[in-house]
C-alpha atoms as a PDB file:
ATOM      1  CA  UNK A   1       3.550 -90.715  66.817  1.00  0.00           C
ATOM      2  CA  UNK A   2      -0.105 -90.386  67.776  1.00  0.00           C
ATOM      3  CA  UNK A   3      -2.186 -93.204  69.199  1.00  0.00           C
ATOM      4  CA  UNK A   4      -5.082 -94.546  67.170  1.00  0.00           C
ATOM      5  CA  UNK A   5      -8.406 -93.574  68.783  1.00  0.00           C
ATOM      6  CA  UNK A   6     -10.133 -96.637  70.268  1.00  0.00           C
ATOM      7  CA  UNK A   7     -13.263 -96.378  68.085  1.00  0.00           C
ATOM      8  CA  UNK A   8     -11.221 -96.138  64.877  1.00  0.00           C
ATOM      9  CA  UNK A   9      -8.978 -99.027  65.915  1.00  0.00           C
ATOM     10  CA  UNK A  10     -11.999-101.218  66.670  1.00  0.00           C
ATOM     11  CA  UNK A  11     -13.558-100.495  63.281  1.00  0.00           C
ATOM     12  CA  UNK A  12     -10.201-100.982  61.540  1.00  0.00           C
ATOM     13  CA  UNK A  13      -9.663-104.365  63.183  1.00  0.00           C
ATOM     14  CA  UNK A  14     -13.178-105.437  62.176  1.00  0.00           C
ATOM     15  CA  UNK A  15     -12.394-104.458  58.581  1.00  0.00           C
ATOM     16  CA  UNK A  16      -9.196-106.532  58.652  1.00  0.00           C
ATOM     17  CA  UNK A  17     -11.158-109.566  59.822  1.00  0.00           C
ATOM     18  CA  UNK A  18     -13.905-108.978  57.240  1.00  0.00           C
ATOM     19  CA  UNK A  19     -11.339-108.726  54.437  1.00  0.00           C
ATOM     20  CA  UNK A  20      -9.669-111.944  55.672  1.00  0.00           C
ATOM     21  CA  UNK A  21      -6.281-110.336  56.286  1.00  0.00           C
ATOM     22  CA  UNK A  22      -4.048-112.918  58.010  1.00  0.00           C
ATOM     23  CA  UNK A  23      -3.794-112.233  61.744  1.00  0.00           C
ATOM     24  CA  UNK A  24      -0.001-112.301  61.537  1.00  0.00           C
ATOM     25  CA  UNK A  25      -0.146-109.221  59.291  1.00  0.00           C
ATOM     26  CA  UNK A  26      -2.543-107.122  61.409  1.00  0.00           C
ATOM     27  CA  UNK A  27       0.313-105.376  63.203  1.00  0.00           C
ATOM     28  CA  UNK A  28       1.702-104.142  59.866  1.00  0.00           C
ATOM     29  CA  UNK A  29      -1.672-102.720  58.847  1.00  0.00           C
ATOM     30  CA  UNK A  30      -2.068-100.993  62.234  1.00  0.00           C
ATOM     31  CA  UNK A  31       1.417 -99.551  61.868  1.00  0.00           C
ATOM     32  CA  UNK A  32       0.488 -98.151  58.439  1.00  0.00           C
ATOM     33  CA  UNK A  33      -2.673 -96.618  59.905  1.00  0.00           C
ATOM     34  CA  UNK A  34      -0.657 -94.936  62.657  1.00  0.00           C
ATOM     35  CA  UNK A  35       1.779 -93.501  60.091  1.00  0.00           C
ATOM     36  CA  UNK A  36      -1.118 -92.311  57.939  1.00  0.00           C
ATOM     37  CA  UNK A  37      -2.921 -90.576  60.819  1.00  0.00           C
ATOM     38  CA  UNK A  38       0.360 -89.040  61.981  1.00  0.00           C
ATOM     39  CA  UNK A  39       1.024 -87.744  58.450  1.00  0.00           C
ATOM     40  CA  UNK A  40      -2.463 -86.217  58.248  1.00  0.00           C
ATOM     41  CA  UNK A  41      -1.988 -84.517  61.613  1.00  0.00           C
ATOM     42  CA  UNK A  42       1.493 -83.244  60.780  1.00  0.00           C
ATOM     43  CA  UNK A  43       0.491 -81.746  57.427  1.00  0.00           C
ATOM     44  CA  UNK A  44      -2.968 -80.669  58.596  1.00  0.00           C
ATOM     45  CA  UNK A  45      -4.759 -82.902  56.130  1.00  0.00           C
ATOM     46  CA  UNK A  46      -8.254 -84.095  56.744  1.00  0.00           C
ATOM     47  CA  UNK A  47      -7.999 -87.846  57.203  1.00  0.00           C
ATOM     48  CA  UNK A  48     -11.580 -88.117  55.914  1.00  0.00           C
ATOM     49  CA  UNK A  49     -10.390 -86.963  52.471  1.00  0.00           C
ATOM     50  CA  UNK A  50     -10.379 -90.145  50.359  1.00  0.00           C
ATOM     51  CA  UNK A  51      -7.893 -88.610  47.919  1.00  0.00           C
ATOM     52  CA  UNK A  52      -5.257 -88.506  50.643  1.00  0.00           C
ATOM     53  CA  UNK A  53      -5.164 -92.287  50.716  1.00  0.00           C
END
């Protein structure tokens, strides 16, 4: 599984805080993001495509 680039992770964590996601759940959201980015890489999808979400 790929690592989340530092700049994306920083922005993602800021979004979690802004949306008032409980801190105890942050690890689950980061795990989902890693799976999503891995999926996009594996199937050569552009992760910027909003429809892929």
